[in-house]
């Protein structure tokens, strides 16, 4: 299960609302090897669904995660955070044992 905060839902709907329907209908979250801690999160707006995707849908927004990535972020909450120096989607991942200072790289 992947959950979205209200901030994440609002930002996602704003971003998707700026795109034509054939370009973006959901947030795709994936994980790849790399970064200073071993794994990195990737976010993109997408409209495709692949056979190995899991779909997490609320009334307001949809998140799509491939099976390989899902095993690394199962149970996570996706938030959208803005402060004076940055604005970004942030994953609160209960599986993480350590991470880097920027929050985009982690290990399990």
C-alpha atoms as a PDB file:
ATOM      1  CA  UNK A   1       0.000   0.000   0.000  1.00  0.00           C
ATOM      2  CA  UNK A   2       1.192   3.490  -0.896  1.00  0.00           C
ATOM      3  CA  UNK A   3      -0.539   6.556   0.541  1.00  0.00           C
ATOM      4  CA  UNK A   4      -0.571  10.210  -0.506  1.00  0.00           C
ATOM      5  CA  UNK A   5      -0.846  13.195   1.810  1.00  0.00           C
ATOM      6  CA  UNK A   6      -3.254  16.003   1.017  1.00  0.00           C
ATOM      7  CA  UNK A   7      -0.285  18.200  -0.017  1.00  0.00           C
ATOM      8  CA  UNK A   8       0.895  15.529  -2.477  1.00  0.00           C
ATOM      9  CA  UNK A   9      -2.608  15.095  -3.926  1.00  0.00           C
ATOM     10  CA  UNK A  10      -3.022  18.853  -4.402  1.00  0.00           C
ATOM     11  CA  UNK A  11       0.368  19.267  -6.093  1.00  0.00           C
ATOM     12  CA  UNK A  12      -0.129  16.227  -8.312  1.00  0.00           C
ATOM     13  CA  UNK A  13      -3.534  17.475  -9.461  1.00  0.00           C
ATOM     14  CA  UNK A  14      -2.023  20.892 -10.181  1.00  0.00           C
ATOM     15  CA  UNK A  15       0.779  19.342 -12.264  1.00  0.00           C
ATOM     16  CA  UNK A  16      -1.504  16.979 -14.154  1.00  0.00           C
ATOM     17  CA  UNK A  17      -3.991  19.781 -14.753  1.00  0.00           C
ATOM     18  CA  UNK A  18      -1.270  21.631 -16.672  1.00  0.00           C
ATOM     19  CA  UNK A  19      -0.769  18.694 -19.090  1.00  0.00           C
ATOM     20  CA  UNK A  20      -3.009  17.417 -21.894  1.00  0.00           C
ATOM     21  CA  UNK A  21      -4.855  14.206 -20.920  1.00  0.00           C
ATOM     22  CA  UNK A  22      -2.763  12.102 -23.302  1.00  0.00           C
ATOM     23  CA  UNK A  23       0.475  13.140 -21.539  1.00  0.00           C
ATOM     24  CA  UNK A  24      -0.203  12.645 -17.845  1.00  0.00           C
ATOM     25  CA  UNK A  25      -2.870  10.990 -15.745  1.00  0.00           C
ATOM     26  CA  UNK A  26      -0.894   9.738 -12.738  1.00  0.00           C
ATOM     27  CA  UNK A  27       2.331   9.901 -10.748  1.00  0.00           C
ATOM     28  CA  UNK A  28       4.802   7.098 -11.463  1.00  0.00           C
ATOM     29  CA  UNK A  29       7.205   6.279  -8.639  1.00  0.00           C
ATOM     30  CA  UNK A  30      10.154   3.984  -9.197  1.00  0.00           C
ATOM     31  CA  UNK A  31      13.354   2.991  -7.432  1.00  0.00           C
ATOM     32  CA  UNK A  32      16.709   2.329  -9.051  1.00  0.00           C
ATOM     33  CA  UNK A  33      20.167   1.461  -7.811  1.00  0.00           C
ATOM     34  CA  UNK A  34      22.392   4.455  -7.272  1.00  0.00           C
ATOM     35  CA  UNK A  35      22.807   7.518  -5.172  1.00  0.00           C
ATOM     36  CA  UNK A  36      25.069   7.789  -2.171  1.00  0.00           C
ATOM     37  CA  UNK A  37      23.066   5.295  -0.072  1.00  0.00           C
ATOM     38  CA  UNK A  38      22.302   2.530  -2.576  1.00  0.00           C
ATOM     39  CA  UNK A  39      18.826   3.268  -3.989  1.00  0.00           C
ATOM     40  CA  UNK A  40      17.220   6.366  -5.507  1.00  0.00           C
ATOM     41  CA  UNK A  41      13.590   7.446  -5.878  1.00  0.00           C
ATOM     42  CA  UNK A  42      12.332   8.634  -9.258  1.00  0.00           C
ATOM     43  CA  UNK A  43       9.118  10.560  -9.893  1.00  0.00           C
ATOM     44  CA  UNK A  44       7.469  11.207 -13.245  1.00  0.00           C
ATOM     45  CA  UNK A  45       4.092  12.111 -14.667  1.00  0.00           C
ATOM     46  CA  UNK A  46       2.834   9.339 -16.913  1.00  0.00           C
ATOM     47  CA  UNK A  47      -0.277   8.041 -18.618  1.00  0.00           C
ATOM     48  CA  UNK A  48       0.808   4.463 -19.342  1.00  0.00           C
ATOM     49  CA  UNK A  49       0.187   1.332 -17.315  1.00  0.00           C
ATOM     50  CA  UNK A  50       2.591  -1.619 -17.710  1.00  0.00           C
ATOM     51  CA  UNK A  51       1.804  -5.285 -16.969  1.00  0.00           C
ATOM     52  CA  UNK A  52       4.021  -5.289 -13.840  1.00  0.00           C
ATOM     53  CA  UNK A  53       2.530  -2.072 -12.374  1.00  0.00           C
ATOM     54  CA  UNK A  54       0.565  -1.789  -9.163  1.00  0.00           C
ATOM     55  CA  UNK A  55      -2.005   1.003  -9.060  1.00  0.00           C
ATOM     56  CA  UNK A  56      -2.845   2.964  -5.907  1.00  0.00           C
ATOM     57  CA  UNK A  57      -5.885   5.124  -6.469  1.00  0.00           C
ATOM     58  CA  UNK A  58      -7.803   7.590  -4.361  1.00  0.00           C
ATOM     59  CA  UNK A  59     -10.764   9.655  -5.500  1.00  0.00           C
ATOM     60  CA  UNK A  60      -8.393  12.546  -6.179  1.00  0.00           C
ATOM     61  CA  UNK A  61      -5.147  10.998  -7.493  1.00  0.00           C
ATOM     62  CA  UNK A  62      -3.406   7.876  -8.769  1.00  0.00           C
ATOM     63  CA  UNK A  63       0.103   6.548  -8.097  1.00  0.00           C
ATOM     64  CA  UNK A  64       1.646   3.762 -10.180  1.00  0.00           C
ATOM     65  CA  UNK A  65       4.600   1.672  -8.971  1.00  0.00           C
ATOM     66  CA  UNK A  66       6.296  -1.250 -10.738  1.00  0.00           C
ATOM     67  CA  UNK A  67       6.538  -4.521  -8.764  1.00  0.00           C
ATOM     68  CA  UNK A  68      10.322  -4.362  -8.338  1.00  0.00           C
ATOM     69  CA  UNK A  69      10.139  -0.852  -6.852  1.00  0.00           C
ATOM     70  CA  UNK A  70       7.103  -1.670  -4.737  1.00  0.00           C
ATOM     71  CA  UNK A  71       9.026  -4.228  -2.717  1.00  0.00           C
ATOM     72  CA  UNK A  72      11.356  -1.387  -1.619  1.00  0.00           C
ATOM     73  CA  UNK A  73       8.709   1.228  -0.813  1.00  0.00           C
ATOM     74  CA  UNK A  74       5.758  -0.842   0.430  1.00  0.00           C
ATOM     75  CA  UNK A  75       3.915   1.006   3.201  1.00  0.00           C
ATOM     76  CA  UNK A  76       5.319   4.413   2.273  1.00  0.00           C
ATOM     77  CA  UNK A  77       3.605   7.784   2.420  1.00  0.00           C
ATOM     78  CA  UNK A  78       4.259  10.277  -0.377  1.00  0.00           C
ATOM     79  CA  UNK A  79       4.195  13.922   0.677  1.00  0.00           C
ATOM     80  CA  UNK A  80       4.864  17.211  -1.102  1.00  0.00           C
ATOM     81  CA  UNK A  81       7.024  19.603   0.908  1.00  0.00           C
ATOM     82  CA  UNK A  82       7.850  23.246   0.223  1.00  0.00           C
ATOM     83  CA  UNK A  83      10.329  25.353   2.160  1.00  0.00           C
ATOM     84  CA  UNK A  84      12.524  28.383   1.472  1.00  0.00           C
ATOM     85  CA  UNK A  85      15.126  26.443  -0.489  1.00  0.00           C
ATOM     86  CA  UNK A  86      13.186  23.687  -2.285  1.00  0.00           C
ATOM     87  CA  UNK A  87       9.907  22.057  -3.184  1.00  0.00           C
ATOM     88  CA  UNK A  88       9.613  18.341  -3.892  1.00  0.00           C
ATOM     89  CA  UNK A  89       7.772  15.094  -3.464  1.00  0.00           C
ATOM     90  CA  UNK A  90       9.167  13.224  -0.447  1.00  0.00           C
ATOM     91  CA  UNK A  91       8.721   9.560   0.434  1.00  0.00           C
ATOM     92  CA  UNK A  92       8.372   8.587   4.087  1.00  0.00           C
ATOM     93  CA  UNK A  93       9.503   4.981   3.744  1.00  0.00           C
ATOM     94  CA  UNK A  94       9.186   2.698   6.804  1.00  0.00           C
ATOM     95  CA  UNK A  95      11.646   0.204   5.244  1.00  0.00           C
ATOM     96  CA  UNK A  96      14.629   2.580   5.159  1.00  0.00           C
ATOM     97  CA  UNK A  97      17.520   1.794   7.498  1.00  0.00           C
ATOM     98  CA  UNK A  98      19.657   4.771   6.437  1.00  0.00           C
ATOM     99  CA  UNK A  99      19.581   7.613   3.946  1.00  0.00           C
ATOM    100  CA  UNK A 100      21.505  10.555   2.629  1.00  0.00           C
ATOM    101  CA  UNK A 101      21.052  14.142   3.677  1.00  0.00           C
ATOM    102  CA  UNK A 102      19.023  15.133   0.606  1.00  0.00           C
ATOM    103  CA  UNK A 103      16.432  12.387   1.240  1.00  0.00           C
ATOM    104  CA  UNK A 104      16.481  11.057  -2.316  1.00  0.00           C
ATOM    105  CA  UNK A 105      18.849   8.171  -1.681  1.00  0.00           C
ATOM    106  CA  UNK A 106      18.370   5.367   0.831  1.00  0.00           C
ATOM    107  CA  UNK A 107      19.329   1.851   1.879  1.00  0.00           C
ATOM    108  CA  UNK A 108      17.339  -1.040   3.283  1.00  0.00           C
END
